[in-house]
Amino acid sequence: MDIDTSTLRTALTLYAPGVVFANVLLQQLGLPVPVLPTLLLAGSLAASSPRLALLWGTAVLAAMLADRVWYLVGRRFGTRVLAWLCKLSLTPDSCISQTADRFGHWGPWSLLLAKFIPGFSAVAAPMAGVLRMPVPRFTLAAASGAGLWAGVALGLGWLLRRQVDAALALLHSHGPLLAVAAVLLLGLWLGWKLVRRQLFLRLAAMPSVTAAQWWQAQTSAQPPRLLDLRGPALIAELGPITEAHAVTLAQLPRLVRHWPRETAIVTLCACPHDATAARAAQRLRRLGFVHARHLQGGFEAWQALQPGTSTPTSTAPVLAPAAS
């Protein structure tokens, strides 16, 4: 059975601005719909420079609307929306931490390349809202990124229009075979992602510390040392923890190299499933720190323990005390 590509070509030629706007808007809002093939095909079918400019402006407008929505959501709900988005990710172990690190290194202009980086594009705009990036700065950076992203995709489609025509002809004659190959490749990719997710969930299930246990350990003669792995950007926005050592995973071995191996250590982060904190605790245990644990609930659990909140209780064993 052949696939009729002439209908697709005719529809996109007649209704290209509307199709591009809807496709970009839905994809940027988070729906799992492919957008790059639409932009490439629309660019290849553009008959003139004004038509190409119209498609570019339409794509940028749709992307900006979606980015604005996510920015407001991030500003309103804070890290909770990031945690929710990352829980939907097949690789939640690095979702928030990598996003925060990119913002810490690149600042607002991380939005310039966000749409080119898989995974980062979904959380970049809400992260900007969480970090309270000024609206004019966000608008300029996000618009520049959307313009660059849409321009590259549409421009490539126009420059490679002959190759796109050849691809459409191949799709017309070998559509079912290509569809099977695409499904197989998608299945392999999803399988790899799911394996990574299961490995992470196994990591997240390693021994941890509840808020009640942490509270009790703080009252001991030698409380455990606290490591804050939220990253510079989130620490700057949410405020530092005075009793904690701010550290990244890369800096971890250098920080603890002179600490006694019997030291009790608690790690925390602001990420789904306490991902970065669990990974840090695992690395510490590999370095010989047998009393390393991550704090369940991360930064939000630590906040709940601060003055003015109710004190949790627990009959569970308290952490082993840290060595001096």
C-alpha atoms as a PDB file:
ATOM      1  CA  MET A   1       0.000   0.000   0.000  1.00  0.00           C
ATOM      2  CA  ASP A   2       1.433   3.360  -1.047  1.00  0.00           C
ATOM      3  CA  ILE A   3       1.123   6.529   0.986  1.00  0.00           C
ATOM      4  CA  ASP A   4      -0.468   9.423  -0.886  1.00  0.00           C
ATOM      5  CA  THR A   5       1.941  12.296  -0.253  1.00  0.00           C
ATOM      6  CA  SER A   6       0.301  14.604  -2.779  1.00  0.00           C
ATOM      7  CA  THR A   7      -2.583  15.274  -0.397  1.00  0.00           C
ATOM      8  CA  LEU A   8      -0.119  16.116   2.373  1.00  0.00           C
ATOM      9  CA  ARG A   9       1.802  18.429   0.052  1.00  0.00           C
ATOM     10  CA  THR A  10      -1.372  20.199  -1.143  1.00  0.00           C
ATOM     11  CA  ALA A  11      -2.757  20.667   2.370  1.00  0.00           C
ATOM     12  CA  LEU A  12       0.516  22.070   3.705  1.00  0.00           C
ATOM     13  CA  THR A  13       0.882  24.387   0.723  1.00  0.00           C
ATOM     14  CA  LEU A  14      -2.611  25.829   1.198  1.00  0.00           C
ATOM     15  CA  TYR A  15      -2.751  25.931   4.983  1.00  0.00           C
ATOM     16  CA  ALA A  16       0.929  26.085   5.923  1.00  0.00           C
ATOM     17  CA  PRO A  17       0.734  29.028   8.408  1.00  0.00           C
ATOM     18  CA  GLY A  18      -2.136  27.465  10.349  1.00  0.00           C
ATOM     19  CA  VAL A  19      -0.566  24.001  10.348  1.00  0.00           C
ATOM     20  CA  VAL A  20       2.806  25.380  11.463  1.00  0.00           C
ATOM     21  CA  PHE A  21       1.220  27.511  14.199  1.00  0.00           C
ATOM     22  CA  ALA A  22      -0.855  24.641  15.615  1.00  0.00           C
ATOM     23  CA  ASN A  23       1.948  22.096  15.408  1.00  0.00           C
ATOM     24  CA  VAL A  24       4.551  24.344  17.057  1.00  0.00           C
ATOM     25  CA  LEU A  25       2.145  25.542  19.759  1.00  0.00           C
ATOM     26  CA  LEU A  26       1.043  22.028  20.737  1.00  0.00           C
ATOM     27  CA  GLN A  27       4.579  20.650  20.698  1.00  0.00           C
ATOM     28  CA  GLN A  28       5.974  23.531  22.767  1.00  0.00           C
ATOM     29  CA  LEU A  29       3.139  23.162  25.282  1.00  0.00           C
ATOM     30  CA  GLY A  30       4.342  19.638  25.877  1.00  0.00           C
ATOM     31  CA  LEU A  31       2.306  17.358  23.630  1.00  0.00           C
ATOM     32  CA  PRO A  32       4.366  14.518  22.116  1.00  0.00           C
ATOM     33  CA  VAL A  33       3.869  15.600  18.500  1.00  0.00           C
ATOM     34  CA  PRO A  34       6.827  15.878  16.086  1.00  0.00           C
ATOM     35  CA  VAL A  35       7.412  19.391  14.821  1.00  0.00           C
ATOM     36  CA  LEU A  36      10.691  19.224  12.898  1.00  0.00           C
ATOM     37  CA  PRO A  37       9.231  17.315   9.891  1.00  0.00           C
ATOM     38  CA  THR A  38       6.465  19.927   9.602  1.00  0.00           C
ATOM     39  CA  LEU A  39       8.941  22.818   9.608  1.00  0.00           C
ATOM     40  CA  LEU A  40      11.257  21.125   7.120  1.00  0.00           C
ATOM     41  CA  LEU A  41       8.398  20.300   4.767  1.00  0.00           C
ATOM     42  CA  ALA A  42       6.832  23.754   5.105  1.00  0.00           C
ATOM     43  CA  GLY A  43      10.190  25.362   4.391  1.00  0.00           C
ATOM     44  CA  SER A  44      10.719  23.214   1.303  1.00  0.00           C
ATOM     45  CA  LEU A  45       7.290  24.183  -0.065  1.00  0.00           C
ATOM     46  CA  ALA A  46       7.717  27.916   0.479  1.00  0.00           C
ATOM     47  CA  ALA A  47       7.518  29.457  -2.995  1.00  0.00           C
ATOM     48  CA  SER A  48       9.060  32.818  -2.089  1.00  0.00           C
ATOM     49  CA  SER A  49      10.995  34.688   0.578  1.00  0.00           C
ATOM     50  CA  PRO A  50       7.880  36.520   1.890  1.00  0.00           C
ATOM     51  CA  ARG A  51       6.137  33.166   2.295  1.00  0.00           C
ATOM     52  CA  LEU A  52       9.127  31.790   4.171  1.00  0.00           C
ATOM     53  CA  ALA A  53       9.188  34.895   6.396  1.00  0.00           C
ATOM     54  CA  LEU A  54       5.478  34.442   7.147  1.00  0.00           C
ATOM     55  CA  LEU A  55       6.041  30.841   8.202  1.00  0.00           C
ATOM     56  CA  TRP A  56       9.004  31.899  10.349  1.00  0.00           C
ATOM     57  CA  GLY A  57       6.966  34.592  12.096  1.00  0.00           C
ATOM     58  CA  THR A  58       4.097  32.165  12.676  1.00  0.00           C
ATOM     59  CA  ALA A  59       6.415  29.572  14.240  1.00  0.00           C
ATOM     60  CA  VAL A  60       8.089  32.156  16.469  1.00  0.00           C
ATOM     61  CA  LEU A  61       4.715  33.508  17.642  1.00  0.00           C
ATOM     62  CA  ALA A  62       3.475  30.015  18.544  1.00  0.00           C
ATOM     63  CA  ALA A  63       6.692  29.173  20.389  1.00  0.00           C
ATOM     64  CA  MET A  64       6.610  32.449  22.289  1.00  0.00           C
ATOM     65  CA  LEU A  65       3.011  31.895  23.388  1.00  0.00           C
ATOM     66  CA  ALA A  66       3.901  28.464  24.754  1.00  0.00           C
ATOM     67  CA  ASP A  67       7.056  29.772  26.432  1.00  0.00           C
ATOM     68  CA  ARG A  68       5.087  32.573  28.066  1.00  0.00           C
ATOM     69  CA  VAL A  69       2.566  30.093  29.464  1.00  0.00           C
ATOM     70  CA  TRP A  70       5.304  27.905  30.919  1.00  0.00           C
ATOM     71  CA  TYR A  71       7.153  30.929  32.298  1.00  0.00           C
ATOM     72  CA  LEU A  72       4.031  32.041  34.192  1.00  0.00           C
ATOM     73  CA  VAL A  73       3.390  28.505  35.431  1.00  0.00           C
ATOM     74  CA  GLY A  74       6.966  28.245  36.715  1.00  0.00           C
ATOM     75  CA  ARG A  75       6.759  31.653  38.378  1.00  0.00           C
ATOM     76  CA  ARG A  76       3.464  30.715  40.065  1.00  0.00           C
ATOM     77  CA  PHE A  77       4.163  27.139  41.194  1.00  0.00           C
ATOM     78  CA  GLY A  78       7.956  27.144  41.588  1.00  0.00           C
ATOM     79  CA  THR A  79       9.965  23.937  41.644  1.00  0.00           C
ATOM     80  CA  ARG A  80       6.782  21.854  41.970  1.00  0.00           C
ATOM     81  CA  VAL A  81       6.040  22.270  38.265  1.00  0.00           C
ATOM     82  CA  LEU A  82       9.620  21.292  37.408  1.00  0.00           C
ATOM     83  CA  ALA A  83       9.319  18.174  39.532  1.00  0.00           C
ATOM     84  CA  TRP A  84       6.042  17.308  37.794  1.00  0.00           C
ATOM     85  CA  LEU A  85       7.534  17.801  34.326  1.00  0.00           C
ATOM     86  CA  CYS A  86      10.581  15.755  35.185  1.00  0.00           C
ATOM     87  CA  LYS A  87       8.466  12.928  36.576  1.00  0.00           C
ATOM     88  CA  LEU A  88       6.997  12.628  33.087  1.00  0.00           C
ATOM     89  CA  SER A  89      10.503  12.361  31.676  1.00  0.00           C
ATOM     90  CA  LEU A  90      11.940   8.925  30.925  1.00  0.00           C
ATOM     91  CA  THR A  91      15.210  10.136  32.484  1.00  0.00           C
ATOM     92  CA  PRO A  92      14.224  12.129  35.588  1.00  0.00           C
ATOM     93  CA  ASP A  93      17.576  11.593  37.279  1.00  0.00           C
ATOM     94  CA  SER A  94      19.171  14.574  35.551  1.00  0.00           C
ATOM     95  CA  CYS A  95      16.228  16.697  34.461  1.00  0.00           C
ATOM     96  CA  ILE A  96      16.209  19.509  37.033  1.00  0.00           C
ATOM     97  CA  SER A  97      19.874  19.413  37.989  1.00  0.00           C
ATOM     98  CA  GLN A  98      21.100  19.731  34.380  1.00  0.00           C
ATOM     99  CA  THR A  99      18.601  22.507  33.669  1.00  0.00           C
ATOM    100  CA  ALA A 100      19.670  24.458  36.744  1.00  0.00           C
ATOM    101  CA  ASP A 101      23.344  23.914  35.878  1.00  0.00           C
ATOM    102  CA  ARG A 102      22.828  25.251  32.359  1.00  0.00           C
ATOM    103  CA  PHE A 103      21.089  28.343  33.689  1.00  0.00           C
ATOM    104  CA  GLY A 104      23.882  28.774  36.220  1.00  0.00           C
ATOM    105  CA  HIS A 105      26.566  28.623  33.526  1.00  0.00           C
ATOM    106  CA  TRP A 106      24.849  30.419  30.636  1.00  0.00           C
ATOM    107  CA  GLY A 107      22.314  32.666  32.362  1.00  0.00           C
ATOM    108  CA  PRO A 108      19.367  33.977  30.331  1.00  0.00           C
ATOM    109  CA  TRP A 109      21.062  33.100  27.048  1.00  0.00           C
ATOM    110  CA  SER A 110      20.676  29.412  27.800  1.00  0.00           C
ATOM    111  CA  LEU A 111      17.222  30.032  26.291  1.00  0.00           C
ATOM    112  CA  LEU A 112      18.934  30.838  22.992  1.00  0.00           C
ATOM    113  CA  LEU A 113      19.893  27.196  22.483  1.00  0.00           C
ATOM    114  CA  ALA A 114      17.241  25.533  24.658  1.00  0.00           C
ATOM    115  CA  LYS A 115      15.072  24.338  21.773  1.00  0.00           C
ATOM    116  CA  PHE A 116      18.009  22.548  20.182  1.00  0.00           C
ATOM    117  CA  ILE A 117      18.685  20.429  23.296  1.00  0.00           C
ATOM    118  CA  PRO A 118      16.333  17.464  23.868  1.00  0.00           C
ATOM    119  CA  GLY A 119      14.898  17.495  27.378  1.00  0.00           C
ATOM    120  CA  PHE A 120      16.143  20.982  28.168  1.00  0.00           C
ATOM    121  CA  SER A 121      13.588  22.709  25.928  1.00  0.00           C
ATOM    122  CA  ALA A 122      10.671  21.279  27.949  1.00  0.00           C
ATOM    123  CA  VAL A 123      11.828  22.771  31.267  1.00  0.00           C
ATOM    124  CA  ALA A 124      13.802  25.862  30.222  1.00  0.00           C
ATOM    125  CA  ALA A 125      10.864  28.306  30.189  1.00  0.00           C
ATOM    126  CA  PRO A 126       9.368  27.150  33.524  1.00  0.00           C
ATOM    127  CA  MET A 127      12.859  27.209  35.059  1.00  0.00           C
ATOM    128  CA  ALA A 128      13.170  30.855  33.970  1.00  0.00           C
ATOM    129  CA  GLY A 129       9.912  31.516  35.815  1.00  0.00           C
ATOM    130  CA  VAL A 130      11.098  29.656  38.915  1.00  0.00           C
ATOM    131  CA  LEU A 131      14.278  31.750  38.934  1.00  0.00           C
ATOM    132  CA  ARG A 132      12.218  34.959  38.575  1.00  0.00           C
ATOM    133  CA  MET A 133      14.021  36.044  35.433  1.00  0.00           C
ATOM    134  CA  PRO A 134      12.883  39.585  34.549  1.00  0.00           C
ATOM    135  CA  VAL A 135      10.124  39.490  31.940  1.00  0.00           C
ATOM    136  CA  PRO A 136      11.907  41.742  29.370  1.00  0.00           C
ATOM    137  CA  ARG A 137      15.071  39.657  29.603  1.00  0.00           C
ATOM    138  CA  PHE A 138      13.119  36.418  29.332  1.00  0.00           C
ATOM    139  CA  THR A 139      11.115  37.708  26.368  1.00  0.00           C
ATOM    140  CA  LEU A 140      14.223  38.809  24.487  1.00  0.00           C
ATOM    141  CA  ALA A 141      16.144  35.594  25.149  1.00  0.00           C
ATOM    142  CA  ALA A 142      13.192  33.297  24.446  1.00  0.00           C
ATOM    143  CA  ALA A 143      12.240  35.166  21.259  1.00  0.00           C
ATOM    144  CA  SER A 144      15.836  35.022  20.030  1.00  0.00           C
ATOM    145  CA  GLY A 145      15.963  31.280  20.729  1.00  0.00           C
ATOM    146  CA  ALA A 146      12.626  30.649  19.032  1.00  0.00           C
ATOM    147  CA  GLY A 147      13.667  32.717  16.022  1.00  0.00           C
ATOM    148  CA  LEU A 148      16.962  30.862  15.684  1.00  0.00           C
ATOM    149  CA  TRP A 149      15.307  27.442  16.089  1.00  0.00           C
ATOM    150  CA  ALA A 150      12.480  28.125  13.596  1.00  0.00           C
ATOM    151  CA  GLY A 151      14.849  29.828  11.156  1.00  0.00           C
ATOM    152  CA  VAL A 152      17.244  26.883  11.107  1.00  0.00           C
ATOM    153  CA  ALA A 153      14.463  24.325  10.571  1.00  0.00           C
ATOM    154  CA  LEU A 154      12.604  26.287   7.882  1.00  0.00           C
ATOM    155  CA  GLY A 155      15.845  27.385   6.235  1.00  0.00           C
ATOM    156  CA  LEU A 156      17.129  23.828   6.044  1.00  0.00           C
ATOM    157  CA  GLY A 157      13.838  22.767   4.491  1.00  0.00           C
ATOM    158  CA  TRP A 158      14.127  25.450   1.839  1.00  0.00           C
ATOM    159  CA  LEU A 159      17.806  24.744   1.104  1.00  0.00           C
ATOM    160  CA  LEU A 160      17.207  20.994   0.939  1.00  0.00           C
ATOM    161  CA  ARG A 161      13.924  21.191  -0.970  1.00  0.00           C
ATOM    162  CA  ARG A 162      15.156  18.815  -3.660  1.00  0.00           C
ATOM    163  CA  GLN A 163      16.156  16.265  -1.051  1.00  0.00           C
ATOM    164  CA  VAL A 164      12.800  16.733   0.684  1.00  0.00           C
ATOM    165  CA  ASP A 165      11.036  16.054  -2.624  1.00  0.00           C
ATOM    166  CA  ALA A 166      13.102  12.899  -3.028  1.00  0.00           C
ATOM    167  CA  ALA A 167      12.217  11.836   0.519  1.00  0.00           C
ATOM    168  CA  LEU A 168       8.511  12.359  -0.226  1.00  0.00           C
ATOM    169  CA  ALA A 169       8.818  10.257  -3.377  1.00  0.00           C
ATOM    170  CA  LEU A 170      10.497   7.506  -1.363  1.00  0.00           C
ATOM    171  CA  LEU A 171       7.751   7.727   1.233  1.00  0.00           C
ATOM    172  CA  HIS A 172       5.131   7.435  -1.515  1.00  0.00           C
ATOM    173  CA  SER A 173       6.660   4.264  -2.959  1.00  0.00           C
ATOM    174  CA  HIS A 174       7.974   2.564   0.203  1.00  0.00           C
ATOM    175  CA  GLY A 175       5.771   4.043   2.887  1.00  0.00           C
ATOM    176  CA  PRO A 176       4.843   0.850   4.797  1.00  0.00           C
ATOM    177  CA  LEU A 177       8.435  -0.407   4.900  1.00  0.00           C
ATOM    178  CA  LEU A 178       9.717   2.947   6.146  1.00  0.00           C
ATOM    179  CA  ALA A 179       6.930   3.067   8.733  1.00  0.00           C
ATOM    180  CA  VAL A 180       7.973  -0.349  10.096  1.00  0.00           C
ATOM    181  CA  ALA A 181      11.609   0.787  10.271  1.00  0.00           C
ATOM    182  CA  ALA A 182      10.580   3.967  12.088  1.00  0.00           C
ATOM    183  CA  VAL A 183       8.511   1.990  14.597  1.00  0.00           C
ATOM    184  CA  LEU A 184      11.428  -0.381  15.247  1.00  0.00           C
ATOM    185  CA  LEU A 185      13.836   2.506  15.811  1.00  0.00           C
ATOM    186  CA  LEU A 186      11.336   4.209  18.105  1.00  0.00           C
ATOM    187  CA  GLY A 187      10.913   0.973  20.040  1.00  0.00           C
ATOM    188  CA  LEU A 188      14.674   0.614  20.500  1.00  0.00           C
ATOM    189  CA  TRP A 189      14.960   4.209  21.695  1.00  0.00           C
ATOM    190  CA  LEU A 190      12.066   3.837  24.141  1.00  0.00           C
ATOM    191  CA  GLY A 191      13.508   0.549  25.399  1.00  0.00           C
ATOM    192  CA  TRP A 192      16.868   2.186  26.106  1.00  0.00           C
ATOM    193  CA  LYS A 193      15.152   5.066  27.923  1.00  0.00           C
ATOM    194  CA  LEU A 194      13.020   2.695  29.984  1.00  0.00           C
ATOM    195  CA  VAL A 195      16.068   0.666  30.998  1.00  0.00           C
ATOM    196  CA  ARG A 196      17.723   3.884  32.182  1.00  0.00           C
ATOM    197  CA  ARG A 197      14.588   4.822  34.098  1.00  0.00           C
ATOM    198  CA  GLN A 198      14.428   1.438  35.835  1.00  0.00           C
ATOM    199  CA  LEU A 199      18.087   1.663  36.788  1.00  0.00           C
ATOM    200  CA  PHE A 200      17.416   5.094  38.246  1.00  0.00           C
ATOM    201  CA  LEU A 201      14.338   3.948  40.198  1.00  0.00           C
ATOM    202  CA  ARG A 202      16.462   1.180  41.675  1.00  0.00           C
ATOM    203  CA  LEU A 203      19.004   3.810  42.699  1.00  0.00           C
ATOM    204  CA  ALA A 204      16.296   6.006  44.244  1.00  0.00           C
ATOM    205  CA  ALA A 205      15.210   3.064  46.409  1.00  0.00           C
ATOM    206  CA  MET A 206      18.549   2.929  48.228  1.00  0.00           C
ATOM    207  CA  PRO A 207      18.628   3.665  52.000  1.00  0.00           C
ATOM    208  CA  SER A 208      17.457   7.182  52.810  1.00  0.00           C
ATOM    209  CA  VAL A 209      16.572   9.454  55.735  1.00  0.00           C
ATOM    210  CA  THR A 210      13.094  10.676  56.599  1.00  0.00           C
ATOM    211  CA  ALA A 211      12.414  14.191  57.831  1.00  0.00           C
ATOM    212  CA  ALA A 212      11.752  12.818  61.336  1.00  0.00           C
ATOM    213  CA  GLN A 213      15.055  10.925  61.404  1.00  0.00           C
ATOM    214  CA  TRP A 214      16.917  13.997  60.184  1.00  0.00           C
ATOM    215  CA  TRP A 215      15.301  16.116  62.899  1.00  0.00           C
ATOM    216  CA  GLN A 216      16.347  13.660  65.600  1.00  0.00           C
ATOM    217  CA  ALA A 217      19.882  13.397  64.233  1.00  0.00           C
ATOM    218  CA  GLN A 218      20.248  17.186  64.381  1.00  0.00           C
ATOM    219  CA  THR A 219      19.792  17.098  68.149  1.00  0.00           C
ATOM    220  CA  SER A 220      22.576  14.547  68.680  1.00  0.00           C
ATOM    221  CA  ALA A 221      26.033  15.445  69.933  1.00  0.00           C
ATOM    222  CA  GLN A 222      27.527  15.011  66.457  1.00  0.00           C
ATOM    223  CA  PRO A 223      24.876  15.724  63.824  1.00  0.00           C
ATOM    224  CA  PRO A 224      25.448  14.463  60.281  1.00  0.00           C
ATOM    225  CA  ARG A 225      26.927  16.755  57.697  1.00  0.00           C
ATOM    226  CA  LEU A 226      24.484  18.120  55.141  1.00  0.00           C
ATOM    227  CA  LEU A 227      25.336  18.426  51.436  1.00  0.00           C
ATOM    228  CA  ASP A 228      23.191  20.707  49.264  1.00  0.00           C
ATOM    229  CA  LEU A 229      23.115  19.581  45.607  1.00  0.00           C
ATOM    230  CA  ARG A 230      20.462  21.979  44.279  1.00  0.00           C
ATOM    231  CA  GLY A 231      22.960  23.757  42.045  1.00  0.00           C
ATOM    232  CA  PRO A 232      24.063  27.431  42.057  1.00  0.00           C
ATOM    233  CA  ALA A 233      21.008  28.762  40.208  1.00  0.00           C
ATOM    234  CA  LEU A 234      18.416  27.235  42.542  1.00  0.00           C
ATOM    235  CA  ILE A 235      20.471  28.067  45.626  1.00  0.00           C
ATOM    236  CA  ALA A 236      20.653  31.702  44.514  1.00  0.00           C
ATOM    237  CA  GLU A 237      16.888  31.836  43.963  1.00  0.00           C
ATOM    238  CA  LEU A 238      15.616  29.740  46.880  1.00  0.00           C
ATOM    239  CA  GLY A 239      18.303  30.790  49.336  1.00  0.00           C
ATOM    240  CA  PRO A 240      21.260  28.903  50.838  1.00  0.00           C
ATOM    241  CA  ILE A 241      21.166  26.466  53.741  1.00  0.00           C
ATOM    242  CA  THR A 242      23.598  27.900  56.247  1.00  0.00           C
ATOM    243  CA  GLU A 243      24.565  24.578  57.820  1.00  0.00           C
ATOM    244  CA  ALA A 244      25.051  22.798  54.478  1.00  0.00           C
ATOM    245  CA  HIS A 245      27.955  22.444  52.089  1.00  0.00           C
ATOM    246  CA  ALA A 246      26.845  23.538  48.617  1.00  0.00           C
ATOM    247  CA  VAL A 247      28.381  21.104  46.147  1.00  0.00           C
ATOM    248  CA  THR A 248      27.882  19.560  42.706  1.00  0.00           C
ATOM    249  CA  LEU A 249      28.343  15.915  41.804  1.00  0.00           C
ATOM    250  CA  ALA A 250      31.607  16.765  40.057  1.00  0.00           C
ATOM    251  CA  GLN A 251      32.945  18.547  43.155  1.00  0.00           C
ATOM    252  CA  LEU A 252      31.926  15.791  45.567  1.00  0.00           C
ATOM    253  CA  PRO A 253      35.165  13.725  45.707  1.00  0.00           C
ATOM    254  CA  ARG A 254      37.298  16.820  46.349  1.00  0.00           C
ATOM    255  CA  LEU A 255      35.015  18.061  49.143  1.00  0.00           C
ATOM    256  CA  VAL A 256      35.037  14.819  51.150  1.00  0.00           C
ATOM    257  CA  ARG A 257      38.523  13.506  50.423  1.00  0.00           C
ATOM    258  CA  HIS A 258      39.828  14.380  53.929  1.00  0.00           C
ATOM    259  CA  TRP A 259      36.665  13.455  55.839  1.00  0.00           C
ATOM    260  CA  PRO A 260      36.723  10.335  58.055  1.00  0.00           C
ATOM    261  CA  ARG A 261      34.920   7.470  56.330  1.00  0.00           C
ATOM    262  CA  GLU A 262      32.661   6.942  59.357  1.00  0.00           C
ATOM    263  CA  THR A 263      31.216  10.450  58.929  1.00  0.00           C
ATOM    264  CA  ALA A 264      27.423  10.503  58.704  1.00  0.00           C
ATOM    265  CA  ILE A 265      26.343  12.475  55.625  1.00  0.00           C
ATOM    266  CA  VAL A 266      22.905  13.516  54.404  1.00  0.00           C
ATOM    267  CA  THR A 267      22.405  14.792  50.851  1.00  0.00           C
ATOM    268  CA  LEU A 268      19.474  16.798  49.515  1.00  0.00           C
ATOM    269  CA  CYS A 269      18.346  18.323  46.234  1.00  0.00           C
ATOM    270  CA  ALA A 270      15.228  19.853  44.669  1.00  0.00           C
ATOM    271  CA  CYS A 271      14.438  17.208  42.091  1.00  0.00           C
ATOM    272  CA  PRO A 272      11.899  14.425  41.488  1.00  0.00           C
ATOM    273  CA  HIS A 273      12.534  11.194  43.371  1.00  0.00           C
ATOM    274  CA  ASP A 274      15.456  12.994  45.114  1.00  0.00           C
ATOM    275  CA  ALA A 275      17.420  12.023  42.024  1.00  0.00           C
ATOM    276  CA  THR A 276      20.644  14.007  42.371  1.00  0.00           C
ATOM    277  CA  ALA A 277      20.789  13.500  46.140  1.00  0.00           C
ATOM    278  CA  ALA A 278      20.400   9.735  45.733  1.00  0.00           C
ATOM    279  CA  ARG A 279      23.140   9.673  43.118  1.00  0.00           C
ATOM    280  CA  ALA A 280      25.422  11.676  45.414  1.00  0.00           C
ATOM    281  CA  ALA A 281      24.756   9.327  48.337  1.00  0.00           C
ATOM    282  CA  GLN A 282      25.552   6.356  46.108  1.00  0.00           C
ATOM    283  CA  ARG A 283      28.875   7.907  45.078  1.00  0.00           C
ATOM    284  CA  LEU A 284      29.715   8.635  48.702  1.00  0.00           C
ATOM    285  CA  ARG A 285      29.012   5.034  49.679  1.00  0.00           C
ATOM    286  CA  ARG A 286      31.317   3.887  46.889  1.00  0.00           C
ATOM    287  CA  LEU A 287      33.983   6.171  48.384  1.00  0.00           C
ATOM    288  CA  GLY A 288      33.594   4.388  51.709  1.00  0.00           C
ATOM    289  CA  PHE A 289      31.091   6.621  53.506  1.00  0.00           C
ATOM    290  CA  VAL A 290      28.789   3.845  54.723  1.00  0.00           C
ATOM    291  CA  HIS A 291      26.539   6.287  56.622  1.00  0.00           C
ATOM    292  CA  ALA A 292      25.710   8.412  53.546  1.00  0.00           C
ATOM    293  CA  ARG A 293      21.964   8.804  52.964  1.00  0.00           C
ATOM    294  CA  HIS A 294      19.723  11.139  50.971  1.00  0.00           C
ATOM    295  CA  LEU A 295      16.897  13.122  52.569  1.00  0.00           C
ATOM    296  CA  GLN A 296      13.441  11.974  51.461  1.00  0.00           C
ATOM    297  CA  GLY A 297      11.547  14.918  50.036  1.00  0.00           C
ATOM    298  CA  GLY A 298      14.720  16.961  49.507  1.00  0.00           C
ATOM    299  CA  PHE A 299      14.656  20.707  49.927  1.00  0.00           C
ATOM    300  CA  GLU A 300      10.913  20.847  50.601  1.00  0.00           C
ATOM    301  CA  ALA A 301      11.343  18.376  53.484  1.00  0.00           C
ATOM    302  CA  TRP A 302      14.166  20.494  54.894  1.00  0.00           C
ATOM    303  CA  GLN A 303      11.989  23.622  54.627  1.00  0.00           C
ATOM    304  CA  ALA A 304       9.214  21.890  56.562  1.00  0.00           C
ATOM    305  CA  LEU A 305      11.634  21.382  59.455  1.00  0.00           C
ATOM    306  CA  GLN A 306      12.408  25.055  59.871  1.00  0.00           C
ATOM    307  CA  PRO A 307      11.053  27.164  62.791  1.00  0.00           C
ATOM    308  CA  GLY A 308       7.335  27.841  62.551  1.00  0.00           C
ATOM    309  CA  THR A 309       6.467  24.354  61.282  1.00  0.00           C
ATOM    310  CA  SER A 310       5.418  21.336  63.274  1.00  0.00           C
ATOM    311  CA  THR A 311       8.185  19.026  64.446  1.00  0.00           C
ATOM    312  CA  PRO A 312       8.018  15.534  62.960  1.00  0.00           C
ATOM    313  CA  THR A 313       8.281  12.474  65.169  1.00  0.00           C
ATOM    314  CA  SER A 314       9.621   9.039  64.492  1.00  0.00           C
ATOM    315  CA  THR A 315      10.523   5.879  66.374  1.00  0.00           C
ATOM    316  CA  ALA A 316      12.959   4.803  63.627  1.00  0.00           C
ATOM    317  CA  PRO A 317      16.677   4.573  64.388  1.00  0.00           C
ATOM    318  CA  VAL A 318      18.607   7.806  64.118  1.00  0.00           C
ATOM    319  CA  LEU A 319      21.582   8.157  61.782  1.00  0.00           C
ATOM    320  CA  ALA A 320      24.986   7.180  63.049  1.00  0.00           C
ATOM    321  CA  PRO A 321      26.693  10.334  64.372  1.00  0.00           C
ATOM    322  CA  ALA A 322      29.282  12.094  62.282  1.00  0.00           C
ATOM    323  CA  ALA A 323      32.884  11.856  63.283  1.00  0.00           C
ATOM    324  CA  SER A 324      34.585  15.086  64.136  1.00  0.00           C
END
